[in-house]
Amino acid sequence: MGSAEKYLMMEEEIEIGQAQPPVRALLRYDTSVMIRECKLLNEKAIVKGEIVLNAVYNTENDKLQSVHSVLPFSQLVEIPGAGEQCGCDADVTVCSSELTPRTGVGGEIRSFSFSAKLSVCANAYCEKEIEAVLDAYSRRRDLEINSSELNIRRVCQKLSETCQSKV
C-alpha cells in the first residue's frame, strides 16, 4: 500500500536515585528501541514505543553503578491512501543519541541529560484475494497471454525480543 518515514527528536532529564552514589564519570551507555503499537487511523500510522537506556558510571569511591531508564515515545506518520482496514508495521532506528552527566545545585552529578534522534518508518499493507489462472490451454482458440508485474507484500510474523545483561 505504502510507506513513509519521519524523524523524531527526544530530550529527557534522567535522575539517578537518592540511594545511588553520585556520578564521577560516565563509562558507557547503550540504547535500544521497542515498538509497542502500530495502528492506522485516517491515513496516518500511529507508532508507539519505548527507548530503553542502560548506562554504567563510576562513583567517587571507584565503584561501578548502573542506571536503567525506559522512555516512551509516540509518532504520527502520514501514509496517503492507507485506510483503517489495512494493517501496518513499523521500524524505528536510533540515528544518534547522547547521554551527558549534569551537575546539580550541590555540585554533585545526580542526573543525566539524554537526547536522541529516531527514524520512524511505517509501512501499510492491505490483504486482498486475487484470482490465479489454473489452466490456460485451449484447443479451440488461440491463446493470448497478458502479464503484468504484481508487488505482493505480506507480514508473516512480527518479532519483538528483549535481551538483558547485568553489569
Foldseek 3Di string as FASTA:
>chain_A
DWKFKDKDKDKDKFFADPVDAFFDFWDDKDKDKFWDDWADDPQKIKTKTWIWMKTWGAHPVRDIDMDIDIGIDIDITGHPPAHRQWGKDKDKDWPDKDWAFDQDPVRTGGIIMIMTMMMIMMDIGHDDDDDDDDDQDDPPDDGDDDDDDDDDDDDPDDDGDDDDDDD
